[in-house]
């Protein structure tokens, strides 16, 4: 298991968009040297490249109706 920062994800996505899956796998392995299997690196790179931003959470009903003191 590993944690991917926003910066790492952006770099991997950019590599995927510019050079394809193999370039993204190389970028992933450069940032995460513990991943030494090319097939795994390519799979992880495809997954990260496909990530979508999390939509903003709507305010709760209580927060919308709260009056200022």
Protein backbone atom coordinates (compact mmCIF):
# COMPACT_ATOMS: atom_id res chain seq x y z
CA UNK A 1 0.00 0.00 0.00
CA UNK A 2 1.17 3.50 -0.71
CA UNK A 3 -0.21 7.04 -0.51
CA UNK A 4 -0.33 9.22 -3.62
CA UNK A 5 -0.20 12.97 -3.09
CA UNK A 6 -1.97 15.44 -5.35
CA UNK A 7 1.43 16.41 -6.78
CA UNK A 8 2.35 12.79 -7.55
CA UNK A 9 -1.06 12.12 -9.11
CA UNK A 10 -0.81 15.24 -11.29
CA UNK A 11 2.65 14.24 -12.53
CA UNK A 12 1.51 10.69 -13.31
CA UNK A 13 -1.61 11.98 -15.10
CA UNK A 14 0.49 14.43 -17.13
CA UNK A 15 2.90 11.66 -18.12
CA UNK A 16 -0.05 9.48 -19.15
CA UNK A 17 -1.61 12.24 -21.26
CA UNK A 18 1.69 13.23 -22.91
CA UNK A 19 3.33 9.85 -23.43
CA UNK A 20 0.82 7.13 -22.68
CA UNK A 21 0.66 4.27 -20.24
CA UNK A 22 4.34 3.33 -20.35
CA UNK A 23 5.47 6.91 -19.63
CA UNK A 24 3.06 7.09 -16.71
CA UNK A 25 4.40 3.79 -15.35
CA UNK A 26 7.96 5.15 -15.55
CA UNK A 27 6.91 8.31 -13.70
CA UNK A 28 5.15 6.22 -11.06
CA UNK A 29 8.23 4.03 -10.55
CA UNK A 30 10.43 7.14 -10.35
CA UNK A 31 8.27 8.51 -7.55
CA UNK A 32 7.68 5.15 -5.85
CA UNK A 33 10.90 3.11 -6.17
CA UNK A 34 9.42 0.27 -4.09
CA UNK A 35 7.23 -0.69 -7.05
CA UNK A 36 9.56 -2.81 -9.12
CA UNK A 37 7.10 -4.79 -11.23
CA UNK A 38 6.35 -3.16 -14.60
CA UNK A 39 2.91 -4.76 -14.91
CA UNK A 40 1.90 -3.45 -11.48
CA UNK A 41 3.31 -0.01 -12.27
CA UNK A 42 1.30 0.15 -15.51
CA UNK A 43 -1.88 -0.94 -13.73
CA UNK A 44 -1.41 1.60 -10.93
CA UNK A 45 -0.61 4.34 -13.47
CA UNK A 46 -3.83 3.58 -15.42
CA UNK A 47 -5.85 3.74 -12.22
CA UNK A 48 -4.29 7.03 -11.08
CA UNK A 49 -4.66 8.58 -14.55
CA UNK A 50 -8.37 7.75 -14.44
CA UNK A 51 -9.03 9.42 -11.10
CA UNK A 52 -11.64 12.17 -11.10
CA UNK A 53 -11.75 15.04 -8.60
CA UNK A 54 -14.04 14.48 -5.64
CA UNK A 55 -17.09 16.76 -5.96
CA UNK A 56 -17.52 19.39 -3.29
CA UNK A 57 -19.77 18.24 -0.49
CA UNK A 58 -22.98 20.23 -0.15
CA UNK A 59 -23.63 22.04 3.08
CA UNK A 60 -25.92 20.28 5.47
CA UNK A 61 -29.50 21.48 5.82
CA UNK A 62 -28.76 22.76 9.34
CA UNK A 63 -25.80 24.84 8.20
CA UNK A 64 -27.89 26.52 5.46
CA UNK A 65 -30.66 27.51 7.86
CA UNK A 66 -28.41 28.64 10.70
CA UNK A 67 -28.85 32.32 11.58
CA UNK A 68 -25.95 34.52 12.56
CA UNK A 69 -25.91 35.54 16.26
